[in-house]
């Protein structure tokens, strides 16, 4: 049950609306790394599907997408299996 305060994009009026929006799986490792709009300077790693390897980038600290890993070893384990 949603109370109406400080919601996010994961709220839908009906079950059908939710399933329509959420049932299409996204391969996050196909997404281009996104630093987001923040002003932070956090070192992160992402899988670059065009190069077939991981790349480092500076994350702003908010938003962005799921192709964003803090630890290089974690990216190598997860991303390179794709």
N, C-alpha and C. Protein backbone atom coordinates (compact mmCIF):
# COMPACT_ATOMS: atom_id res chain seq x y z
N UNK A 1 0.84 -1.18 0.00
CA UNK A 1 0.00 0.00 0.00
C UNK A 1 0.89 1.24 0.00
N UNK A 2 0.61 2.14 -0.89
CA UNK A 2 1.38 3.38 -1.02
C UNK A 2 0.65 4.50 -0.31
N UNK A 3 1.36 5.20 0.59
CA UNK A 3 0.76 6.27 1.38
C UNK A 3 0.73 7.63 0.70
N UNK A 4 1.45 7.79 -0.40
CA UNK A 4 1.40 9.04 -1.15
C UNK A 4 2.52 10.02 -0.89
N UNK A 5 3.46 9.70 -0.02
CA UNK A 5 4.56 10.62 0.29
C UNK A 5 5.89 10.07 -0.19
N UNK A 6 6.69 10.94 -0.76
CA UNK A 6 8.06 10.59 -1.18
C UNK A 6 8.11 9.30 -1.98
N UNK A 7 7.28 9.19 -2.96
CA UNK A 7 7.24 8.00 -3.80
C UNK A 7 8.38 7.98 -4.81
N UNK A 8 8.37 6.95 -5.63
CA UNK A 8 9.35 6.84 -6.71
C UNK A 8 8.64 6.33 -7.95
N UNK A 9 9.37 5.98 -8.97
CA UNK A 9 8.79 5.53 -10.22
C UNK A 9 8.24 4.11 -10.17
N UNK A 10 8.31 3.47 -9.01
CA UNK A 10 7.86 2.10 -8.88
C UNK A 10 6.47 2.04 -8.24
N UNK A 11 5.58 2.91 -8.67
CA UNK A 11 4.20 2.95 -8.18
C UNK A 11 3.26 2.97 -9.37
N UNK A 12 2.26 2.08 -9.35
CA UNK A 12 1.34 1.96 -10.48
C UNK A 12 -0.09 1.91 -9.97
N UNK A 13 -1.01 2.37 -10.80
CA UNK A 13 -2.43 2.36 -10.45
C UNK A 13 -3.00 0.94 -10.46
N UNK A 14 -2.56 0.12 -11.41
CA UNK A 14 -3.10 -1.24 -11.54
C UNK A 14 -1.98 -2.26 -11.68
N UNK A 15 -2.31 -3.50 -11.40
CA UNK A 15 -1.36 -4.61 -11.57
C UNK A 15 -0.97 -4.73 -13.05
N UNK A 16 -1.93 -4.55 -13.95
CA UNK A 16 -1.67 -4.65 -15.38
C UNK A 16 -0.67 -3.59 -15.84
N UNK A 17 -0.81 -2.37 -15.33
CA UNK A 17 0.11 -1.29 -15.67
C UNK A 17 1.53 -1.63 -15.19
N UNK A 18 1.63 -2.17 -14.00
CA UNK A 18 2.92 -2.58 -13.46
C UNK A 18 3.56 -3.67 -14.32
N UNK A 19 2.79 -4.70 -14.64
CA UNK A 19 3.33 -5.81 -15.43
C UNK A 19 3.75 -5.35 -16.83
N UNK A 20 2.99 -4.44 -17.42
CA UNK A 20 3.34 -3.93 -18.75
C UNK A 20 4.67 -3.19 -18.71
N UNK A 21 4.88 -2.38 -17.70
CA UNK A 21 6.10 -1.58 -17.59
C UNK A 21 7.29 -2.42 -17.13
N UNK A 22 7.07 -3.34 -16.20
CA UNK A 22 8.17 -4.03 -15.53
C UNK A 22 8.50 -5.41 -16.08
N UNK A 23 7.68 -5.98 -16.93
CA UNK A 23 7.91 -7.35 -17.35
C UNK A 23 8.99 -7.48 -18.42
N UNK A 24 9.41 -6.37 -19.01
CA UNK A 24 10.46 -6.42 -20.02
C UNK A 24 11.82 -6.31 -19.33
N UNK A 25 12.54 -7.41 -19.19
CA UNK A 25 13.83 -7.33 -18.51
C UNK A 25 14.84 -6.51 -19.31
N UNK A 26 15.64 -5.74 -18.60
CA UNK A 26 16.67 -4.93 -19.22
C UNK A 26 18.03 -5.49 -18.83
N UNK A 27 18.88 -5.70 -19.80
CA UNK A 27 20.24 -6.12 -19.51
C UNK A 27 21.03 -4.86 -19.18
N UNK A 28 21.27 -4.63 -17.89
CA UNK A 28 21.92 -3.38 -17.48
C UNK A 28 23.32 -3.23 -18.05
N UNK A 29 23.94 -4.34 -18.42
CA UNK A 29 25.29 -4.26 -18.96
C UNK A 29 25.31 -3.83 -20.43
N UNK A 30 24.14 -3.69 -21.03
CA UNK A 30 24.05 -3.13 -22.38
C UNK A 30 23.85 -1.62 -22.32
N UNK A 31 23.54 -1.10 -21.13
CA UNK A 31 23.35 0.35 -20.97
C UNK A 31 24.70 1.06 -20.97
N UNK A 32 24.74 2.23 -21.55
CA UNK A 32 25.95 3.06 -21.50
C UNK A 32 26.09 3.58 -20.07
N UNK A 33 27.30 3.60 -19.55
CA UNK A 33 27.46 4.10 -18.18
C UNK A 33 26.95 5.54 -18.09
N UNK A 34 26.33 5.85 -16.96
CA UNK A 34 25.68 7.15 -16.79
C UNK A 34 26.15 7.77 -15.48
N UNK A 35 26.92 8.86 -15.54
CA UNK A 35 27.42 9.48 -14.32
C UNK A 35 26.34 10.15 -13.48
N UNK A 36 25.16 10.39 -14.06
CA UNK A 36 24.09 11.06 -13.34
C UNK A 36 24.35 12.55 -13.22
N UNK A 37 23.38 13.29 -12.66
CA UNK A 37 23.48 14.74 -12.60
C UNK A 37 24.24 15.28 -11.39
N UNK A 38 24.60 14.41 -10.46
CA UNK A 38 25.25 14.87 -9.23
C UNK A 38 26.63 15.47 -9.46
N UNK A 39 27.12 16.14 -8.44
CA UNK A 39 28.42 16.82 -8.51
C UNK A 39 29.52 16.00 -7.84
N UNK A 40 29.22 14.77 -7.41
CA UNK A 40 30.22 13.93 -6.76
C UNK A 40 31.29 13.49 -7.74
N UNK A 41 32.33 12.92 -7.21
CA UNK A 41 33.46 12.47 -8.02
C UNK A 41 33.86 11.09 -7.51
N UNK A 42 32.93 10.14 -7.67
CA UNK A 42 33.13 8.79 -7.15
C UNK A 42 33.63 7.88 -8.25
N UNK A 43 34.76 7.23 -8.03
CA UNK A 43 35.32 6.32 -9.03
C UNK A 43 34.46 5.06 -9.09
N UNK A 44 33.98 4.74 -10.27
CA UNK A 44 33.14 3.56 -10.48
C UNK A 44 33.58 2.84 -11.74
N UNK A 45 33.04 1.65 -11.93
CA UNK A 45 33.32 0.83 -13.10
C UNK A 45 32.00 0.42 -13.74
N UNK A 46 32.03 0.27 -15.06
CA UNK A 46 30.85 -0.15 -15.82
C UNK A 46 31.31 -1.03 -16.97
N UNK A 47 30.42 -1.89 -17.43
CA UNK A 47 30.74 -2.73 -18.58
C UNK A 47 30.43 -1.96 -19.85
N UNK A 48 31.40 -1.90 -20.75
CA UNK A 48 31.21 -1.25 -22.05
C UNK A 48 31.00 -2.36 -23.08
N UNK A 49 29.76 -2.54 -23.51
CA UNK A 49 29.43 -3.65 -24.40
C UNK A 49 30.07 -3.50 -25.78
N UNK A 50 30.39 -2.28 -26.20
CA UNK A 50 31.03 -2.12 -27.51
C UNK A 50 32.49 -2.55 -27.47
N UNK A 51 33.15 -2.37 -26.32
CA UNK A 51 34.54 -2.79 -26.17
C UNK A 51 34.66 -4.20 -25.62
N UNK A 52 33.59 -4.68 -24.99
CA UNK A 52 33.60 -6.02 -24.40
C UNK A 52 34.44 -6.11 -23.13
N UNK A 53 34.59 -5.01 -22.43
CA UNK A 53 35.38 -4.99 -21.20
C UNK A 53 34.85 -3.90 -20.27
N UNK A 54 35.42 -3.82 -19.08
CA UNK A 54 34.99 -2.80 -18.14
C UNK A 54 35.75 -1.50 -18.38
N UNK A 55 35.12 -0.39 -18.00
CA UNK A 55 35.75 0.93 -18.09
C UNK A 55 35.52 1.63 -16.75
N UNK A 56 36.40 2.55 -16.41
CA UNK A 56 36.15 3.33 -15.20
C UNK A 56 35.54 4.67 -15.60
N UNK A 57 34.76 5.24 -14.69
CA UNK A 57 34.15 6.54 -14.92
C UNK A 57 33.89 7.20 -13.57
N UNK A 58 33.61 8.48 -13.59
CA UNK A 58 33.30 9.22 -12.37
C UNK A 58 31.79 9.36 -12.23
N UNK A 59 31.27 8.81 -11.12
CA UNK A 59 29.84 8.84 -10.83
C UNK A 59 29.53 10.07 -9.99
N UNK A 60 28.47 10.78 -10.34
CA UNK A 60 28.09 12.00 -9.64
C UNK A 60 27.45 11.80 -8.29
N UNK A 61 27.02 10.56 -7.98
CA UNK A 61 26.46 10.28 -6.67
C UNK A 61 24.96 10.08 -6.62
N UNK A 62 24.24 10.39 -7.71
CA UNK A 62 22.79 10.15 -7.71
C UNK A 62 22.32 9.84 -9.13
N UNK A 63 21.21 9.13 -9.16
CA UNK A 63 20.58 8.68 -10.41
C UNK A 63 21.52 7.79 -11.20
N UNK A 64 21.75 8.04 -12.48
CA UNK A 64 22.54 7.13 -13.28
C UNK A 64 21.74 5.89 -13.62
N UNK A 65 22.39 4.73 -13.73
CA UNK A 65 21.69 3.48 -13.99
C UNK A 65 22.41 2.32 -13.31
N UNK A 66 21.96 1.11 -13.53
CA UNK A 66 22.50 -0.06 -12.85
C UNK A 66 23.86 -0.51 -13.32
N UNK A 67 24.33 0.02 -14.44
CA UNK A 67 25.66 -0.34 -14.94
C UNK A 67 26.68 0.54 -14.23
N UNK A 68 26.85 0.27 -12.94
CA UNK A 68 27.62 1.13 -12.05
C UNK A 68 28.08 0.28 -10.87
N UNK A 69 29.35 -0.07 -10.85
CA UNK A 69 29.88 -0.96 -9.83
C UNK A 69 31.02 -0.26 -9.10
N UNK A 70 31.03 -0.36 -7.77
CA UNK A 70 32.05 0.31 -6.98
C UNK A 70 33.42 -0.36 -7.05
N UNK A 71 33.45 -1.67 -7.11
CA UNK A 71 34.70 -2.41 -7.00
C UNK A 71 35.02 -3.10 -8.32
N UNK A 72 36.20 -2.87 -8.85
CA UNK A 72 36.62 -3.42 -10.14
C UNK A 72 36.46 -4.94 -10.18
N UNK A 73 36.86 -5.63 -9.12
CA UNK A 73 36.76 -7.09 -9.08
C UNK A 73 35.32 -7.54 -9.23
N UNK A 74 34.40 -6.80 -8.63
CA UNK A 74 32.98 -7.15 -8.73
C UNK A 74 32.51 -7.00 -10.17
N UNK A 75 32.96 -5.96 -10.84
CA UNK A 75 32.60 -5.76 -12.25
C UNK A 75 33.16 -6.89 -13.10
N UNK A 76 34.40 -7.27 -12.85
CA UNK A 76 35.02 -8.35 -13.62
C UNK A 76 34.24 -9.65 -13.44
N UNK A 77 33.81 -9.93 -12.22
CA UNK A 77 33.05 -11.15 -11.94
C UNK A 77 31.68 -11.12 -12.62
N UNK A 78 30.99 -9.99 -12.49
CA UNK A 78 29.63 -9.88 -12.98
C UNK A 78 29.55 -9.53 -14.45
N UNK A 79 30.23 -8.47 -14.85
CA UNK A 79 30.09 -7.94 -16.21
C UNK A 79 30.70 -8.84 -17.27
N UNK A 80 31.85 -9.38 -17.01
CA UNK A 80 32.53 -10.15 -18.05
C UNK A 80 31.92 -11.52 -18.28
N UNK A 81 31.01 -11.94 -17.39
CA UNK A 81 30.30 -13.20 -17.62
C UNK A 81 29.25 -13.05 -18.70
N UNK A 82 28.88 -11.83 -19.00
CA UNK A 82 27.80 -11.58 -19.97
C UNK A 82 28.22 -11.91 -21.38
